[in-house]
C-alpha cells in the first residue's frame, strides 16, 4: 500500500460521486467529508486491506477497483461473504466492535479514500445527513448479506450462480464496470465457488451446464449474460428499481 498522503482527490471532484446511482449531498456535507478524509491508499491485487480479529485506525471508501469480504474457516477453507465495489464503505464494523469479524482483500488493484475511525462519532453529531449515510451503508450491507444467505441456503447451484451473476452485473453496471450484459469479471471460478458455498468442481459443472443452455458465457475474464430473463426466473432475482445509494 502507498502512503495515504501520496495522492488526494477532493470530494467535490470525486469521479464516482457524479454518477447517477449516488444520492447527492448538500455542499456543507461534502465539505465535511473533505475534512473527514485524511488521504488515499493505492492497493495491489491480493493485498489485505483489513484482517479478521485485528484492529485498524482507519475505514475506507472504495474509489477504484474490486475487493471481497471473507472469513477463514477450518482446514484453510474460506467463505466469501460478498464483493465490494466503488462507493462501498469498508471497516465500519470497526467503529462499533473494535475488531474485524472478517477480512477484506483487494481483488484488483484499488484506490481507497481513507478516514479516521476515531472521528466517526463526531460525524454523527456534526452532520446528521452523513450519520444517516453511515447507518444506511450498514443496513445495505446487511441486506446484501441476507440475500446471499438466502442464496446459499435455499437455492440450487444453478440458481445460486444466476443470482450472483445478476447481482454483481447490476452493481458493476451502476458504477461503470459493466455494460451491454457484459461484465469484466476480476474473480475466478474458485472465488465464485467460495461465495456460493459449493466446491470448485461443482461450480465448474454448473457453469458448463449454464453455458451449454445459452444462459451465459464466461471467457477471457468476461461474463456475458445471454438470457437475463431466464436467469431471473431461475434465481427469483429482483432488481433494485430505486437504485439511489448513499456514499461517504
Protein backbone atom coordinates (compact mmCIF):
# COMPACT_ATOMS: atom_id res chain seq x y z
CA UNK A 1 0.00 0.00 0.00
CA UNK A 2 1.18 3.52 -0.71
CA UNK A 3 1.13 6.33 1.82
CA UNK A 4 -2.29 7.99 2.38
CA UNK A 5 -0.75 11.39 1.62
CA UNK A 6 0.68 10.36 -1.78
CA UNK A 7 -2.43 11.44 -3.71
CA UNK A 8 -5.60 13.27 -2.87
CA UNK A 9 -8.80 13.85 -4.84
CA UNK A 10 -11.03 16.50 -3.36
CA UNK A 11 -14.51 15.17 -2.56
CA UNK A 12 -16.16 17.90 -4.64
CA UNK A 13 -14.36 16.47 -7.68
CA UNK A 14 -14.87 12.83 -6.80
CA UNK A 15 -15.26 10.89 -10.09
CA UNK A 16 -17.72 8.35 -8.68
CA UNK A 17 -19.82 10.86 -6.73
CA UNK A 18 -21.01 12.26 -10.05
CA UNK A 19 -22.65 9.00 -11.08
CA UNK A 20 -26.44 8.98 -11.02
CA UNK A 21 -26.51 5.92 -8.77
CA UNK A 22 -25.41 8.04 -5.79
CA UNK A 23 -27.58 10.46 -3.89
CA UNK A 24 -26.28 14.00 -3.81
CA UNK A 25 -25.23 15.69 -0.56
CA UNK A 26 -25.62 19.31 0.38
CA UNK A 27 -22.47 21.37 -0.17
CA UNK A 28 -21.80 21.62 3.59
CA UNK A 29 -21.86 17.85 3.92
CA UNK A 30 -19.43 17.40 1.03
CA UNK A 31 -17.15 19.96 2.70
CA UNK A 32 -17.33 17.98 5.94
CA UNK A 33 -16.43 14.73 4.18
CA UNK A 34 -13.46 16.50 2.58
CA UNK A 35 -12.19 17.30 6.08
CA UNK A 36 -13.02 13.83 7.38
CA UNK A 37 -10.96 12.25 4.60
CA UNK A 38 -7.28 12.05 5.52
CA UNK A 39 -5.80 10.67 2.31
CA UNK A 40 -5.84 7.90 -0.24
CA UNK A 41 -4.26 4.46 -0.49
CA UNK A 42 -3.26 2.51 -3.56
CA UNK A 43 -3.66 -1.24 -3.01
CA UNK A 44 -2.28 -4.05 -5.13
CA UNK A 45 -4.42 -7.01 -6.16
CA UNK A 46 -4.34 -9.65 -3.45
CA UNK A 47 -3.33 -7.25 -0.68
CA UNK A 48 -5.09 -7.49 2.69
CA UNK A 49 -6.92 -4.26 3.49
CA UNK A 50 -8.48 -5.37 6.78
CA UNK A 51 -7.73 -8.60 8.66
CA UNK A 52 -10.10 -10.66 10.78
CA UNK A 53 -9.63 -10.27 14.57
CA UNK A 54 -7.34 -7.27 14.13
CA UNK A 55 -7.85 -3.58 14.72
CA UNK A 56 -7.29 -0.69 12.34
CA UNK A 57 -7.42 3.07 12.95
CA UNK A 58 -8.99 3.59 9.54
CA UNK A 59 -12.06 2.88 7.48
CA UNK A 60 -12.24 3.28 3.74
CA UNK A 61 -14.46 4.11 0.79
CA UNK A 62 -13.53 2.34 -2.42
CA UNK A 63 -12.69 4.84 -5.15
CA UNK A 64 -11.46 2.33 -7.74
CA UNK A 65 -11.36 -1.45 -8.04
CA UNK A 66 -12.91 -4.56 -6.50
CA UNK A 67 -12.47 -6.22 -3.11
CA UNK A 68 -14.07 -9.15 -1.35
CA UNK A 69 -15.08 -9.73 2.27
CA UNK A 70 -14.32 -13.21 3.58
CA UNK A 71 -13.90 -15.38 6.66
CA UNK A 72 -11.33 -18.11 7.03
CA UNK A 73 -12.76 -21.40 8.26
CA UNK A 74 -11.40 -24.84 9.13
CA UNK A 75 -8.81 -26.64 7.01
CA UNK A 76 -7.83 -23.49 5.12
CA UNK A 77 -11.24 -23.03 3.53
CA UNK A 78 -12.89 -19.65 3.26
CA UNK A 79 -16.37 -18.27 2.83
CA UNK A 80 -16.64 -15.16 0.67
CA UNK A 81 -19.35 -13.05 2.26
CA UNK A 82 -19.76 -10.54 -0.58
CA UNK A 83 -17.89 -8.36 -3.01
CA UNK A 84 -17.16 -4.63 -2.63
CA UNK A 85 -17.11 -2.05 -5.43
CA UNK A 86 -16.56 1.71 -5.79
CA UNK A 87 -18.74 3.67 -3.39
CA UNK A 88 -18.79 0.87 -0.79
CA UNK A 89 -17.54 1.63 2.72
CA UNK A 90 -15.31 -0.98 4.35
CA UNK A 91 -14.28 -1.10 8.00
CA UNK A 92 -17.42 0.45 9.51
CA UNK A 93 -17.69 -2.64 11.72
CA UNK A 94 -14.52 -1.44 13.48
CA UNK A 95 -16.27 1.72 14.64
CA UNK A 96 -18.68 -0.36 16.73
CA UNK A 97 -16.95 -3.65 17.57
CA UNK A 98 -13.28 -2.54 17.65
CA UNK A 99 -12.19 -5.72 15.88
CA UNK A 100 -12.94 -7.02 12.41
CA UNK A 101 -15.14 -10.12 12.25
CA UNK A 102 -14.00 -10.77 8.68
CA UNK A 103 -11.14 -9.89 6.34
CA UNK A 104 -11.20 -7.64 3.28
CA UNK A 105 -8.82 -8.35 0.39
CA UNK A 106 -8.23 -6.50 -2.84
CA UNK A 107 -9.46 -8.48 -5.81
CA UNK A 108 -7.89 -5.99 -8.23
CA UNK A 109 -5.59 -3.03 -7.88
CA UNK A 110 -7.53 -0.46 -5.88
CA UNK A 111 -7.64 3.14 -4.74
CA UNK A 112 -9.20 3.84 -1.34
CA UNK A 113 -10.30 7.03 0.38
CA UNK A 114 -9.03 6.92 3.98
CA UNK A 115 -10.96 8.11 7.05
CA UNK A 116 -10.04 8.14 10.72
CA UNK A 117 -12.18 5.67 12.64
CA UNK A 118 -11.95 7.82 15.78
CA UNK A 119 -13.82 10.64 14.02
CA UNK A 120 -16.92 8.62 13.14
CA UNK A 121 -18.97 9.53 16.20
CA UNK A 122 -18.19 13.22 15.74
CA UNK A 123 -19.67 12.91 12.26
CA UNK A 124 -22.99 11.76 13.71
CA UNK A 125 -23.10 14.89 15.86
CA UNK A 126 -21.78 17.35 13.30
CA UNK A 127 -23.73 16.12 10.27
CA UNK A 128 -26.93 14.10 10.77
CA UNK A 129 -27.15 13.58 6.99
CA UNK A 130 -23.73 11.92 6.91
CA UNK A 131 -24.53 9.96 10.05
CA UNK A 132 -27.63 8.63 8.31
CA UNK A 133 -25.46 7.76 5.30
CA UNK A 134 -23.22 5.63 7.51
CA UNK A 135 -26.25 3.89 9.01
CA UNK A 136 -27.67 3.36 5.51
CA UNK A 137 -24.42 1.75 4.36
CA UNK A 138 -24.52 -0.65 7.32
CA UNK A 139 -28.16 -1.52 6.60
CA UNK A 140 -27.42 -2.04 2.90
CA UNK A 141 -24.55 -4.41 3.67
CA UNK A 142 -26.85 -6.38 5.99
CA UNK A 143 -29.46 -6.51 3.22
CA UNK A 144 -26.91 -7.88 0.76
CA UNK A 145 -25.74 -10.47 3.27
CA UNK A 146 -29.36 -11.53 3.82
CA UNK A 147 -29.69 -12.03 0.07
CA UNK A 148 -26.52 -14.08 -0.09
CA UNK A 149 -27.54 -16.18 2.91
CA UNK A 150 -30.84 -16.99 1.21
CA UNK A 151 -28.95 -17.75 -1.97
CA UNK A 152 -26.51 -20.16 -0.31
CA UNK A 153 -29.05 -21.78 1.98
CA UNK A 154 -32.11 -22.32 -0.19
CA UNK A 155 -31.22 -22.31 -3.89
CA UNK A 156 -29.81 -24.92 -6.24
CA UNK A 157 -26.26 -24.44 -7.52
CA UNK A 158 -27.56 -23.13 -10.85
CA UNK A 159 -29.88 -20.66 -9.12
CA UNK A 160 -27.01 -19.52 -6.88
CA UNK A 161 -24.81 -18.79 -9.88
CA UNK A 162 -27.64 -16.99 -11.68
CA UNK A 163 -28.39 -14.81 -8.65
CA UNK A 164 -24.76 -13.86 -8.02
CA UNK A 165 -24.03 -13.08 -11.66
CA UNK A 166 -27.09 -10.80 -11.90
CA UNK A 167 -26.33 -9.18 -8.56
CA UNK A 168 -22.72 -8.41 -9.49
CA UNK A 169 -23.61 -7.31 -13.00
CA UNK A 170 -26.19 -4.79 -11.78
CA UNK A 171 -23.82 -3.39 -9.16
CA UNK A 172 -20.96 -3.16 -11.65
CA UNK A 173 -23.19 -1.61 -14.32
CA UNK A 174 -24.25 1.13 -11.90
CA UNK A 175 -20.68 2.33 -11.43
CA UNK A 176 -19.44 1.81 -14.99
CA UNK A 177 -17.74 -1.56 -14.64
CA UNK A 178 -20.18 -3.42 -16.90
CA UNK A 179 -22.44 -2.66 -19.86
CA UNK A 180 -24.47 -4.34 -22.60
CA UNK A 181 -24.82 -7.51 -20.49
CA UNK A 182 -21.01 -7.94 -20.35
CA UNK A 183 -19.19 -7.95 -17.00
CA UNK A 184 -15.40 -7.77 -16.79
CA UNK A 185 -15.06 -10.34 -14.02
CA UNK A 186 -11.92 -9.91 -11.88
CA UNK A 187 -12.81 -13.03 -9.90
CA UNK A 188 -12.19 -16.63 -10.91
CA UNK A 189 -14.19 -19.82 -10.59
CA UNK A 190 -12.74 -20.52 -7.12
CA UNK A 191 -13.94 -17.13 -5.86
CA UNK A 192 -17.37 -17.95 -7.24
CA UNK A 193 -17.40 -21.34 -5.52
CA UNK A 194 -16.28 -19.82 -2.21
CA UNK A 195 -19.04 -17.21 -2.43
CA UNK A 196 -21.70 -19.80 -3.22
CA UNK A 197 -20.70 -22.47 -0.70
CA UNK A 198 -20.04 -25.16 -3.31
CA UNK A 199 -16.90 -26.96 -4.44
CA UNK A 200 -14.86 -25.76 -7.38
CA UNK A 201 -15.77 -28.97 -9.22
CA UNK A 202 -19.49 -28.34 -8.64
CA UNK A 203 -19.12 -24.72 -9.77
CA UNK A 204 -17.37 -25.84 -12.95
CA UNK A 205 -20.05 -28.42 -13.71
CA UNK A 206 -22.82 -25.89 -13.10
CA UNK A 207 -21.22 -23.22 -15.27
CA UNK A 208 -20.69 -25.66 -18.13
CA UNK A 209 -24.37 -26.60 -17.98
CA UNK A 210 -25.45 -22.95 -18.00
CA UNK A 211 -23.13 -22.17 -20.91
CA UNK A 212 -24.48 -25.17 -22.83
CA UNK A 213 -28.03 -23.92 -22.22
CA UNK A 214 -27.03 -20.49 -23.56
CA UNK A 215 -27.78 -18.66 -20.32
CA UNK A 216 -24.34 -17.03 -20.11
CA UNK A 217 -20.77 -17.26 -21.31
CA UNK A 218 -17.52 -16.80 -19.36
CA UNK A 219 -14.44 -16.34 -21.49
CA UNK A 220 -11.27 -14.24 -21.22
CA UNK A 221 -12.40 -12.91 -17.80
CA UNK A 222 -15.66 -11.59 -19.25
CA UNK A 223 -19.08 -12.90 -18.25
CA UNK A 224 -21.79 -12.23 -20.83
CA UNK A 225 -25.43 -12.58 -19.80
CA UNK A 226 -27.13 -14.18 -22.80
CA UNK A 227 -30.62 -14.76 -21.37
CA UNK A 228 -31.32 -12.42 -18.47
CA UNK A 229 -34.99 -13.28 -18.28
CA UNK A 230 -34.21 -16.97 -17.80
CA UNK A 231 -31.56 -16.21 -15.16
CA UNK A 232 -34.04 -14.04 -13.25
CA UNK A 233 -36.65 -16.78 -13.40
CA UNK A 234 -34.20 -19.44 -12.22
CA UNK A 235 -32.98 -17.39 -9.25
CA UNK A 236 -36.14 -15.36 -8.45
CA UNK A 237 -33.92 -12.30 -8.73
CA UNK A 238 -35.45 -8.86 -8.36
CA UNK A 239 -33.72 -5.67 -9.46
CA UNK A 240 -33.30 -2.70 -7.15
CA UNK A 241 -35.61 -0.34 -9.03
CA UNK A 242 -34.74 2.73 -6.92
CA UNK A 243 -31.00 2.25 -7.14
CA UNK A 244 -30.06 5.52 -5.44
CA UNK A 245 -27.29 4.92 -2.92
CA UNK A 246 -25.56 6.80 -0.14
CA UNK A 247 -21.82 7.43 -0.32
CA UNK A 248 -19.20 8.81 2.06
